């Protein structure tokens, strides 16, 4: 089964985008999906604003941020992103959010 388009937006020097990639690859394997994964480097503040970049890493599945409610945010920054979930604070999105986005995109 093929899979959705997954973008990982990051800036150079962010240590968390590699872990986000590992989690996506692991979950895709568990779900038997083959997503098209694209790493998108965000080099400056202008690009951050144009791409609606909420910080590094930002994970989008078929164009939608995996974090619930993220589409309502408007502070686009060239900075590390912090995620709050029921599991605590982390430097990458919650695995449950990524899994849910992959399952929904796969239909």
PDB file of N, CA and C in Angstrom:
ATOM      1  N   UNK A   1       0.845  -1.178   0.000  1.00  0.00           N
ATOM      2  CA  UNK A   1       0.000   0.000   0.000  1.00  0.00           C
ATOM      3  C   UNK A   1       0.889   1.240   0.000  1.00  0.00           C
ATOM      4  N   UNK A   2       0.645   2.177  -0.904  1.00  0.00           N
ATOM      5  CA  UNK A   2       1.422   3.407  -0.931  1.00  0.00           C
ATOM      6  C   UNK A   2       0.879   4.349   0.127  1.00  0.00           C
ATOM      7  N   UNK A   3       1.541   5.465   0.285  1.00  0.00           N
ATOM      8  CA  UNK A   3       1.135   6.342   1.362  1.00  0.00           C
ATOM      9  C   UNK A   3       1.088   7.794   0.958  1.00  0.00           C
ATOM     10  N   UNK A   4       0.831   8.629   1.929  1.00  0.00           N
ATOM     11  CA  UNK A   4       0.668  10.053   1.710  1.00  0.00           C
ATOM     12  C   UNK A   4       2.010  10.772   1.553  1.00  0.00           C
ATOM     13  N   UNK A   5       1.915  12.060   1.276  1.00  0.00           N
ATOM     14  CA  UNK A   5       3.086  12.929   1.225  1.00  0.00           C
ATOM     15  C   UNK A   5       3.339  13.458   2.638  1.00  0.00           C
ATOM     16  N   UNK A   6       4.546  13.255   3.134  1.00  0.00           N
ATOM     17  CA  UNK A   6       4.920  13.731   4.465  1.00  0.00           C
ATOM     18  C   UNK A   6       6.057  14.721   4.308  1.00  0.00           C
ATOM     19  N   UNK A   7       5.868  15.916   4.847  1.00  0.00           N
ATOM     20  CA  UNK A   7       6.921  16.924   4.835  1.00  0.00           C
ATOM     21  C   UNK A   7       7.437  17.118   6.254  1.00  0.00           C
ATOM     22  N   UNK A   8       8.750  17.185   6.374  1.00  0.00           N
ATOM     23  CA  UNK A   8       9.381  17.549   7.639  1.00  0.00           C
ATOM     24  C   UNK A   8      10.118  18.860   7.381  1.00  0.00           C
ATOM     25  N   UNK A   9       9.572  19.943   7.905  1.00  0.00           N
ATOM     26  CA  UNK A   9      10.187  21.250   7.750  1.00  0.00           C
ATOM     27  C   UNK A   9      11.104  21.480   8.943  1.00  0.00           C
ATOM     28  N   UNK A  10      12.306  21.972   8.684  1.00  0.00           N
ATOM     29  CA  UNK A  10      13.299  22.139   9.743  1.00  0.00           C
ATOM     30  C   UNK A  10      14.266  23.238   9.342  1.00  0.00           C
ATOM     31  N   UNK A  11      15.095  23.669  10.311  1.00  0.00           N
ATOM     32  CA  UNK A  11      16.197  24.546   9.956  1.00  0.00           C
ATOM     33  C   UNK A  11      17.498  23.849  10.335  1.00  0.00           C
ATOM     34  N   UNK A  12      18.543  24.198   9.625  1.00  0.00           N
ATOM     35  CA  UNK A  12      19.850  23.577   9.852  1.00  0.00           C
ATOM     36  C   UNK A  12      20.257  23.777  11.304  1.00  0.00           C
ATOM     37  N   UNK A  13      20.682  22.701  11.934  1.00  0.00           N
ATOM     38  CA  UNK A  13      21.097  22.760  13.329  1.00  0.00           C
ATOM     39  C   UNK A  13      20.035  22.268  14.294  1.00  0.00           C
ATOM     40  N   UNK A  14      18.827  22.038  13.812  1.00  0.00           N
ATOM     41  CA  UNK A  14      17.764  21.492  14.669  1.00  0.00           C
ATOM     42  C   UNK A  14      18.059  20.015  14.911  1.00  0.00           C
ATOM     43  N   UNK A  15      18.225  19.622  16.168  1.00  0.00           N
ATOM     44  CA  UNK A  15      18.527  18.221  16.434  1.00  0.00           C
ATOM     45  C   UNK A  15      17.296  17.307  16.398  1.00  0.00           C
ATOM     46  N   UNK A  16      16.097  17.873  16.378  1.00  0.00           N
ATOM     47  CA  UNK A  16      14.890  17.065  16.536  1.00  0.00           C
ATOM     48  C   UNK A  16      14.285  16.551  15.236  1.00  0.00           C
ATOM     49  N   UNK A  17      14.677  17.105  14.091  1.00  0.00           N
ATOM     50  CA  UNK A  17      14.033  16.644  12.856  1.00  0.00           C
ATOM     51  C   UNK A  17      14.459  15.226  12.502  1.00  0.00           C
ATOM     52  N   UNK A  18      15.677  14.818  12.905  1.00  0.00           N
ATOM     53  CA  UNK A  18      16.099  13.445  12.622  1.00  0.00           C
ATOM     54  C   UNK A  18      15.256  12.439  13.404  1.00  0.00           C
ATOM     55  N   UNK A  19      14.942  12.757  14.644  1.00  0.00           N
ATOM     56  CA  UNK A  19      14.099  11.875  15.454  1.00  0.00           C
ATOM     57  C   UNK A  19      12.685  11.822  14.873  1.00  0.00           C
ATOM     58  N   UNK A  20      12.184  12.957  14.405  1.00  0.00           N
ATOM     59  CA  UNK A  20      10.851  12.969  13.788  1.00  0.00           C
ATOM     60  C   UNK A  20      10.837  12.063  12.563  1.00  0.00           C
ATOM     61  N   UNK A  21      11.892  12.108  11.764  1.00  0.00           N
ATOM     62  CA  UNK A  21      11.994  11.239  10.587  1.00  0.00           C
ATOM     63  C   UNK A  21      11.998   9.770  10.998  1.00  0.00           C
ATOM     64  N   UNK A  22      12.750   9.425  12.033  1.00  0.00           N
ATOM     65  CA  UNK A  22      12.782   8.033  12.520  1.00  0.00           C
ATOM     66  C   UNK A  22      11.392   7.569  12.945  1.00  0.00           C
ATOM     67  N   UNK A  23      10.671   8.419  13.665  1.00  0.00           N
ATOM     68  CA  UNK A  23       9.331   8.062  14.138  1.00  0.00           C
ATOM     69  C   UNK A  23       8.391   7.861  12.949  1.00  0.00           C
ATOM     70  N   UNK A  24       8.446   8.741  11.976  1.00  0.00           N
ATOM     71  CA  UNK A  24       7.592   8.626  10.794  1.00  0.00           C
ATOM     72  C   UNK A  24       7.886   7.327  10.059  1.00  0.00           C
ATOM     73  N   UNK A  25       9.160   7.026   9.857  1.00  0.00           N
ATOM     74  CA  UNK A  25       9.524   5.793   9.153  1.00  0.00           C
ATOM     75  C   UNK A  25       9.066   4.558   9.926  1.00  0.00           C
ATOM     76  N   UNK A  26       9.212   4.573  11.251  1.00  0.00           N
ATOM     77  CA  UNK A  26       8.782   3.454  12.089  1.00  0.00           C
ATOM     78  C   UNK A  26       7.271   3.261  12.001  1.00  0.00           C
ATOM     79  N   UNK A  27       6.514   4.347  12.155  1.00  0.00           N
ATOM     80  CA  UNK A  27       5.054   4.252  12.113  1.00  0.00           C
ATOM     81  C   UNK A  27       4.570   3.831  10.730  1.00  0.00           C
ATOM     82  N   UNK A  28       5.191   4.367   9.687  1.00  0.00           N
ATOM     83  CA  UNK A  28       4.806   3.978   8.322  1.00  0.00           C
ATOM     84  C   UNK A  28       5.007   2.481   8.128  1.00  0.00           C
ATOM     85  N   UNK A  29       6.101   1.945   8.665  1.00  0.00           N
ATOM     86  CA  UNK A  29       6.344   0.510   8.578  1.00  0.00           C
ATOM     87  C   UNK A  29       5.281  -0.297   9.299  1.00  0.00           C
ATOM     88  N   UNK A  30       4.924   0.158  10.505  1.00  0.00           N
ATOM     89  CA  UNK A  30       3.891  -0.536  11.276  1.00  0.00           C
ATOM     90  C   UNK A  30       2.551  -0.517  10.546  1.00  0.00           C
ATOM     91  N   UNK A  31       2.270   0.596   9.863  1.00  0.00           N
ATOM     92  CA  UNK A  31       0.989   0.758   9.164  1.00  0.00           C
ATOM     93  C   UNK A  31       1.034   0.224   7.735  1.00  0.00           C
ATOM     94  N   UNK A  32       2.190  -0.271   7.338  1.00  0.00           N
ATOM     95  CA  UNK A  32       2.399  -0.786   5.973  1.00  0.00           C
ATOM     96  C   UNK A  32       2.115   0.274   4.915  1.00  0.00           C
ATOM     97  N   UNK A  33       2.607   1.471   5.202  1.00  0.00           N
ATOM     98  CA  UNK A  33       2.478   2.591   4.269  1.00  0.00           C
ATOM     99  C   UNK A  33       3.855   2.925   3.714  1.00  0.00           C
ATOM    100  N   UNK A  34       3.872   3.486   2.539  1.00  0.00           N
ATOM    101  CA  UNK A  34       5.113   3.957   1.934  1.00  0.00           C
ATOM    102  C   UNK A  34       4.951   5.431   1.590  1.00  0.00           C
ATOM    103  N   UNK A  35       5.042   6.295   2.598  1.00  0.00           N
ATOM    104  CA  UNK A  35       4.844   7.713   2.338  1.00  0.00           C
ATOM    105  C   UNK A  35       6.008   8.294   1.534  1.00  0.00           C
ATOM    106  N   UNK A  36       5.695   9.329   0.778  1.00  0.00           N
ATOM    107  CA  UNK A  36       6.733  10.115   0.112  1.00  0.00           C
ATOM    108  C   UNK A  36       7.187  11.142   1.143  1.00  0.00           C
ATOM    109  N   UNK A  37       8.385  10.960   1.683  1.00  0.00           N
ATOM    110  CA  UNK A  37       8.888  11.835   2.744  1.00  0.00           C
ATOM    111  C   UNK A  37       9.824  12.871   2.131  1.00  0.00           C
ATOM    112  N   UNK A  38       9.542  14.136   2.439  1.00  0.00           N
ATOM    113  CA  UNK A  38      10.357  15.229   1.921  1.00  0.00           C
ATOM    114  C   UNK A  38      10.883  16.053   3.092  1.00  0.00           C
ATOM    115  N   UNK A  39      12.196  16.223   3.138  1.00  0.00           N
ATOM    116  CA  UNK A  39      12.813  17.111   4.118  1.00  0.00           C
ATOM    117  C   UNK A  39      12.892  18.494   3.490  1.00  0.00           C
ATOM    118  N   UNK A  40      12.324  19.494   4.162  1.00  0.00           N
ATOM    119  CA  UNK A  40      12.263  20.856   3.635  1.00  0.00           C
ATOM    120  C   UNK A  40      13.038  21.769   4.581  1.00  0.00           C
ATOM    121  N   UNK A  41      14.207  22.229   4.139  1.00  0.00           N
ATOM    122  CA  UNK A  41      14.991  23.136   4.970  1.00  0.00           C
ATOM    123  C   UNK A  41      14.425  24.546   4.859  1.00  0.00           C
ATOM    124  N   UNK A  42      14.270  25.204   6.002  1.00  0.00           N
ATOM    125  CA  UNK A  42      13.774  26.575   6.075  1.00  0.00           C
ATOM    126  C   UNK A  42      14.978  27.446   6.459  1.00  0.00           C
ATOM    127  N   UNK A  43      15.537  28.193   5.480  1.00  0.00           N
ATOM    128  CA  UNK A  43      16.795  28.881   5.722  1.00  0.00           C
ATOM    129  C   UNK A  43      16.703  30.245   6.396  1.00  0.00           C
ATOM    130  N   UNK A  44      15.526  30.898   6.346  1.00  0.00           N
ATOM    131  CA  UNK A  44      15.448  32.261   6.877  1.00  0.00           C
ATOM    132  C   UNK A  44      14.016  32.605   7.281  1.00  0.00           C
ATOM    133  N   UNK A  45      13.871  33.776   7.923  1.00  0.00           N
ATOM    134  CA  UNK A  45      12.568  34.198   8.445  1.00  0.00           C
ATOM    135  C   UNK A  45      11.546  34.425   7.336  1.00  0.00           C
ATOM    136  N   UNK A  46      11.985  34.942   6.188  1.00  0.00           N
ATOM    137  CA  UNK A  46      11.052  35.160   5.077  1.00  0.00           C
ATOM    138  C   UNK A  46      10.462  33.838   4.602  1.00  0.00           C
ATOM    139  N   UNK A  47      11.306  32.830   4.481  1.00  0.00           N
ATOM    140  CA  UNK A  47      10.839  31.508   4.070  1.00  0.00           C
ATOM    141  C   UNK A  47       9.928  30.918   5.141  1.00  0.00           C
ATOM    142  N   UNK A  48      10.267  31.136   6.412  1.00  0.00           N
ATOM    143  CA  UNK A  48       9.426  30.651   7.513  1.00  0.00           C
ATOM    144  C   UNK A  48       8.015  31.215   7.391  1.00  0.00           C
ATOM    145  N   UNK A  49       7.912  32.500   7.104  1.00  0.00           N
ATOM    146  CA  UNK A  49       6.596  33.127   6.972  1.00  0.00           C
ATOM    147  C   UNK A  49       5.863  32.579   5.741  1.00  0.00           C
ATOM    148  N   UNK A  50       6.566  32.462   4.622  1.00  0.00           N
ATOM    149  CA  UNK A  50       5.941  31.986   3.382  1.00  0.00           C
ATOM    150  C   UNK A  50       5.422  30.560   3.534  1.00  0.00           C
ATOM    151  N   UNK A  51       6.181  29.703   4.249  1.00  0.00           N
ATOM    152  CA  UNK A  51       5.802  28.300   4.421  1.00  0.00           C
ATOM    153  C   UNK A  51       4.913  28.068   5.649  1.00  0.00           C
ATOM    154  N   UNK A  52       4.583  29.151   6.366  1.00  0.00           N
ATOM    155  CA  UNK A  52       3.779  29.032   7.589  1.00  0.00           C
ATOM    156  C   UNK A  52       4.441  28.045   8.564  1.00  0.00           C
ATOM    157  N   UNK A  53       5.724  28.293   8.796  1.00  0.00           N
ATOM    158  CA  UNK A  53       6.592  27.421   9.584  1.00  0.00           C
ATOM    159  C   UNK A  53       6.449  27.767  11.065  1.00  0.00           C
ATOM    160  N   UNK A  54       5.963  26.820  11.849  1.00  0.00           N
ATOM    161  CA  UNK A  54       5.726  27.037  13.277  1.00  0.00           C
ATOM    162  C   UNK A  54       6.923  26.648  14.140  1.00  0.00           C
ATOM    163  N   UNK A  55       8.022  26.300  13.516  1.00  0.00           N
ATOM    164  CA  UNK A  55       9.216  25.907  14.251  1.00  0.00           C
ATOM    165  C   UNK A  55       9.679  24.538  13.809  1.00  0.00           C
ATOM    166  N   UNK A  56      10.882  24.211  14.232  1.00  0.00           N
ATOM    167  CA  UNK A  56      11.540  22.989  13.775  1.00  0.00           C
ATOM    168  C   UNK A  56      11.535  21.911  14.846  1.00  0.00           C
ATOM    169  N   UNK A  57      11.058  20.724  14.478  1.00  0.00           N
ATOM    170  CA  UNK A  57      10.513  20.317  13.195  1.00  0.00           C
ATOM    171  C   UNK A  57       9.001  20.522  13.124  1.00  0.00           C
ATOM    172  N   UNK A  58       8.546  20.841  11.938  1.00  0.00           N
ATOM    173  CA  UNK A  58       7.113  20.871  11.646  1.00  0.00           C
ATOM    174  C   UNK A  58       6.831  19.675  10.740  1.00  0.00           C
ATOM    175  N   UNK A  59       5.873  18.851  11.118  1.00  0.00           N
ATOM    176  CA  UNK A  59       5.533  17.664  10.327  1.00  0.00           C
ATOM    177  C   UNK A  59       4.140  17.861   9.746  1.00  0.00           C
ATOM    178  N   UNK A  60       4.054  17.740   8.422  1.00  0.00           N
ATOM    179  CA  UNK A  60       2.780  17.854   7.731  1.00  0.00           C
ATOM    180  C   UNK A  60       2.528  16.600   6.914  1.00  0.00           C
ATOM    181  N   UNK A  61       1.304  16.118   6.982  1.00  0.00           N
ATOM    182  CA  UNK A  61       0.884  14.963   6.187  1.00  0.00           C
ATOM    183  C   UNK A  61      -0.161  15.473   5.203  1.00  0.00           C
ATOM    184  N   UNK A  62       0.124  15.310   3.931  1.00  0.00           N
ATOM    185  CA  UNK A  62      -0.737  15.843   2.866  1.00  0.00           C
ATOM    186  C   UNK A  62      -1.070  17.307   3.116  1.00  0.00           C
ATOM    187  N   UNK A  63      -0.058  18.066   3.527  1.00  0.00           N
ATOM    188  CA  UNK A  63      -0.203  19.506   3.699  1.00  0.00           C
ATOM    189  C   UNK A  63      -0.764  19.973   5.018  1.00  0.00           C
ATOM    190  N   UNK A  64      -1.167  19.043   5.879  1.00  0.00           N
ATOM    191  CA  UNK A  64      -1.766  19.420   7.166  1.00  0.00           C
ATOM    192  C   UNK A  64      -0.824  19.109   8.320  1.00  0.00           C
ATOM    193  N   UNK A  65      -0.629  20.096   9.188  1.00  0.00           N
ATOM    194  CA  UNK A  65       0.205  19.913  10.372  1.00  0.00           C
ATOM    195  C   UNK A  65      -0.404  18.814  11.231  1.00  0.00           C
ATOM    196  N   UNK A  66       0.438  17.930  11.764  1.00  0.00           N
ATOM    197  CA  UNK A  66      -0.077  16.813  12.554  1.00  0.00           C
ATOM    198  C   UNK A  66      -0.533  17.238  13.949  1.00  0.00           C
ATOM    199  N   UNK A  67      -0.096  18.399  14.419  1.00  0.00           N
ATOM    200  CA  UNK A  67      -0.494  18.846  15.756  1.00  0.00           C
ATOM    201  C   UNK A  67      -1.915  19.392  15.731  1.00  0.00           C
ATOM    202  N   UNK A  68      -2.803  18.856  16.552  1.00  0.00           N
ATOM    203  CA  UNK A  68      -4.174  19.373  16.606  1.00  0.00           C
ATOM    204  C   UNK A  68      -4.184  20.866  16.936  1.00  0.00           C
ATOM    205  N   UNK A  69      -4.934  21.631  16.148  1.00  0.00           N
ATOM    206  CA  UNK A  69      -5.067  23.067  16.387  1.00  0.00           C
ATOM    207  C   UNK A  69      -3.965  23.926  15.793  1.00  0.00           C
ATOM    208  N   UNK A  70      -2.955  23.320  15.192  1.00  0.00           N
ATOM    209  CA  UNK A  70      -1.816  24.084  14.684  1.00  0.00           C
ATOM    210  C   UNK A  70      -2.209  25.058  13.579  1.00  0.00           C
ATOM    211  N   UNK A  71      -3.231  24.717  12.787  1.00  0.00           N
ATOM    212  CA  UNK A  71      -3.611  25.586  11.671  1.00  0.00           C
ATOM    213  C   UNK A  71      -4.128  26.941  12.138  1.00  0.00           C
ATOM    214  N   UNK A  72      -4.486  27.048  13.424  1.00  0.00           N
ATOM    215  CA  UNK A  72      -4.981  28.308  13.964  1.00  0.00           C
ATOM    216  C   UNK A  72      -3.852  29.241  14.393  1.00  0.00           C
ATOM    217  N   UNK A  73      -2.644  28.732  14.479  1.00  0.00           N
ATOM    218  CA  UNK A  73      -1.505  29.539  14.940  1.00  0.00           C
ATOM    219  C   UNK A  73      -0.972  30.399  13.806  1.00  0.00           C
ATOM    220  N   UNK A  74      -0.469  31.574  14.160  1.00  0.00           N
ATOM    221  CA  UNK A  74       0.016  32.517  13.152  1.00  0.00           C
ATOM    222  C   UNK A  74       1.405  33.067  13.461  1.00  0.00           C
ATOM    223  N   UNK A  75       2.096  32.491  14.427  1.00  0.00           N
ATOM    224  CA  UNK A  75       3.438  32.955  14.760  1.00  0.00           C
ATOM    225  C   UNK A  75       4.445  32.055  14.048  1.00  0.00           C
ATOM    226  N   UNK A  76       4.943  32.547  12.912  1.00  0.00           N
ATOM    227  CA  UNK A  76       5.865  31.760  12.099  1.00  0.00           C
ATOM    228  C   UNK A  76       7.284  32.192  12.431  1.00  0.00           C
ATOM    229  N   UNK A  77       8.090  31.243  12.904  1.00  0.00           N
ATOM    230  CA  UNK A  77       9.404  31.578  13.454  1.00  0.00           C
ATOM    231  C   UNK A  77      10.478  30.602  12.992  1.00  0.00           C
ATOM    232  N   UNK A  78      11.698  31.109  12.971  1.00  0.00           N
ATOM    233  CA  UNK A  78      12.853  30.282  12.688  1.00  0.00           C
ATOM    234  C   UNK A  78      13.443  29.890  14.040  1.00  0.00           C
ATOM    235  N   UNK A  79      12.829  28.889  14.681  1.00  0.00           N
ATOM    236  CA  UNK A  79      13.211  28.481  16.026  1.00  0.00           C
ATOM    237  C   UNK A  79      12.856  27.014  16.225  1.00  0.00           C
ATOM    238  N   UNK A  80      13.350  26.448  17.304  1.00  0.00           N
ATOM    239  CA  UNK A  80      12.966  25.079  17.657  1.00  0.00           C
ATOM    240  C   UNK A  80      11.497  25.092  18.084  1.00  0.00           C
ATOM    241  N   UNK A  81      10.800  24.025  17.762  1.00  0.00           N
ATOM    242  CA  UNK A  81       9.389  23.902  18.115  1.00  0.00           C
ATOM    243  C   UNK A  81       9.257  22.983  19.309  1.00  0.00           C
ATOM    244  N   UNK A  82       8.399  23.359  20.223  1.00  0.00           N
ATOM    245  CA  UNK A  82       8.135  22.558  21.405  1.00  0.00           C
ATOM    246  C   UNK A  82       6.694  22.076  21.318  1.00  0.00           C
ATOM    247  N   UNK A  83       6.506  20.800  21.575  1.00  0.00           N
ATOM    248  CA  UNK A  83       5.171  20.192  21.508  1.00  0.00           C
ATOM    249  C   UNK A  83       4.711  19.802  22.904  1.00  0.00           C
ATOM    250  N   UNK A  84       3.467  20.149  23.221  1.00  0.00           N
ATOM    251  CA  UNK A  84       2.844  19.740  24.477  1.00  0.00           C
ATOM    252  C   UNK A  84       1.767  18.723  24.144  1.00  0.00           C
ATOM    253  N   UNK A  85       1.828  17.581  24.815  1.00  0.00           N
ATOM    254  CA  UNK A  85       0.796  16.563  24.619  1.00  0.00           C
ATOM    255  C   UNK A  85       0.514  15.912  25.964  1.00  0.00           C
ATOM    256  N   UNK A  86      -0.389  14.946  25.955  1.00  0.00           N
ATOM    257  CA  UNK A  86      -0.706  14.233  27.200  1.00  0.00           C
ATOM    258  C   UNK A  86       0.507  13.466  27.723  1.00  0.00           C
ATOM    259  N   UNK A  87       1.515  13.260  26.871  1.00  0.00           N
ATOM    260  CA  UNK A  87       2.728  12.555  27.286  1.00  0.00           C
ATOM    261  C   UNK A  87       3.808  13.506  27.797  1.00  0.00           C
ATOM    262  N   UNK A  88       3.534  14.811  27.798  1.00  0.00           N
ATOM    263  CA  UNK A  88       4.495  15.784  28.289  1.00  0.00           C
ATOM    264  C   UNK A  88       5.009  16.682  27.175  1.00  0.00           C
ATOM    265  N   UNK A  89       6.175  17.272  27.417  1.00  0.00           N
ATOM    266  CA  UNK A  89       6.790  18.203  26.475  1.00  0.00           C
ATOM    267  C   UNK A  89       7.848  17.454  25.672  1.00  0.00           C
ATOM    268  N   UNK A  90       7.877  17.713  24.352  1.00  0.00           N
ATOM    269  CA  UNK A  90       8.843  17.029  23.501  1.00  0.00           C
ATOM    270  C   UNK A  90       9.303  17.956  22.374  1.00  0.00           C
ATOM    271  N   UNK A  91      10.383  17.574  21.720  1.00  0.00           N
ATOM    272  CA  UNK A  91      10.934  18.344  20.618  1.00  0.00           C
ATOM    273  C   UNK A  91      10.448  17.892  19.260  1.00  0.00           C
ATOM    274  N   UNK A  92       9.548  16.919  19.232  1.00  0.00           N
ATOM    275  CA  UNK A  92       8.934  16.482  17.977  1.00  0.00           C
ATOM    276  C   UNK A  92       7.489  16.106  18.274  1.00  0.00           C
ATOM    277  N   UNK A  93       6.669  16.024  17.226  1.00  0.00           N
ATOM    278  CA  UNK A  93       5.244  15.742  17.461  1.00  0.00           C
ATOM    279  C   UNK A  93       5.009  14.391  18.134  1.00  0.00           C
ATOM    280  N   UNK A  94       3.925  14.329  18.857  1.00  0.00           N
ATOM    281  CA  UNK A  94       3.509  13.102  19.522  1.00  0.00           C
ATOM    282  C   UNK A  94       3.279  11.989  18.486  1.00  0.00           C
ATOM    283  N   UNK A  95       3.742  10.801  18.786  1.00  0.00           N
ATOM    284  CA  UNK A  95       3.582   9.666  17.866  1.00  0.00           C
ATOM    285  C   UNK A  95       2.113   9.407  17.538  1.00  0.00           C
ATOM    286  N   UNK A  96       1.231   9.593  18.498  1.00  0.00           N
ATOM    287  CA  UNK A  96      -0.201   9.367  18.253  1.00  0.00           C
ATOM    288  C   UNK A  96      -0.730  10.330  17.189  1.00  0.00           C
ATOM    289  N   UNK A  97      -0.250  11.588  17.205  1.00  0.00           N
ATOM    290  CA  UNK A  97      -0.687  12.561  16.203  1.00  0.00           C
ATOM    291  C   UNK A  97      -0.221  12.139  14.813  1.00  0.00           C
ATOM    292  N   UNK A  98       1.042  11.698  14.736  1.00  0.00           N
ATOM    293  CA  UNK A  98       1.589  11.286  13.441  1.00  0.00           C
ATOM    294  C   UNK A  98       0.834  10.061  12.925  1.00  0.00           C
ATOM    295  N   UNK A  99       0.626   9.081  13.800  1.00  0.00           N
ATOM    296  CA  UNK A  99      -0.098   7.864  13.412  1.00  0.00           C
ATOM    297  C   UNK A  99      -1.502   8.221  12.899  1.00  0.00           C
ATOM    298  N   UNK A 100      -2.216   9.059  13.638  1.00  0.00           N
ATOM    299  CA  UNK A 100      -3.571   9.442  13.248  1.00  0.00           C
ATOM    300  C   UNK A 100      -3.570  10.159  11.898  1.00  0.00           C
ATOM    301  N   UNK A 101      -2.594  11.029  11.650  1.00  0.00           N
ATOM    302  CA  UNK A 101      -2.529  11.753  10.382  1.00  0.00           C
ATOM    303  C   UNK A 101      -2.230  10.795   9.232  1.00  0.00           C
ATOM    304  N   UNK A 102      -1.349   9.839   9.451  1.00  0.00           N
ATOM    305  CA  UNK A 102      -1.027   8.863   8.410  1.00  0.00           C
ATOM    306  C   UNK A 102      -2.232   7.981   8.091  1.00  0.00           C
ATOM    307  N   UNK A 103      -2.921   7.523   9.116  1.00  0.00           N
ATOM    308  CA  UNK A 103      -4.100   6.668   8.916  1.00  0.00           C
ATOM    309  C   UNK A 103      -5.191   7.439   8.171  1.00  0.00           C
ATOM    310  N   UNK A 104      -5.432   8.682   8.589  1.00  0.00           N
ATOM    311  CA  UNK A 104      -6.470   9.483   7.924  1.00  0.00           C
ATOM    312  C   UNK A 104      -6.109   9.735   6.459  1.00  0.00           C
ATOM    313  N   UNK A 105      -4.853  10.061   6.190  1.00  0.00           N
ATOM    314  CA  UNK A 105      -4.439  10.343   4.814  1.00  0.00           C
ATOM    315  C   UNK A 105      -4.489   9.089   3.927  1.00  0.00           C
ATOM    316  N   UNK A 106      -4.241   7.928   4.540  1.00  0.00           N
ATOM    317  CA  UNK A 106      -4.266   6.692   3.773  1.00  0.00           C
ATOM    318  C   UNK A 106      -5.687   6.274   3.420  1.00  0.00           C
ATOM    319  N   UNK A 107      -6.657   6.869   4.139  1.00  0.00           N
ATOM    320  CA  UNK A 107      -8.060   6.597   3.835  1.00  0.00           C
ATOM    321  C   UNK A 107      -8.514   5.302   4.390  1.00  0.00           C
TER     322      UNK A 107
END
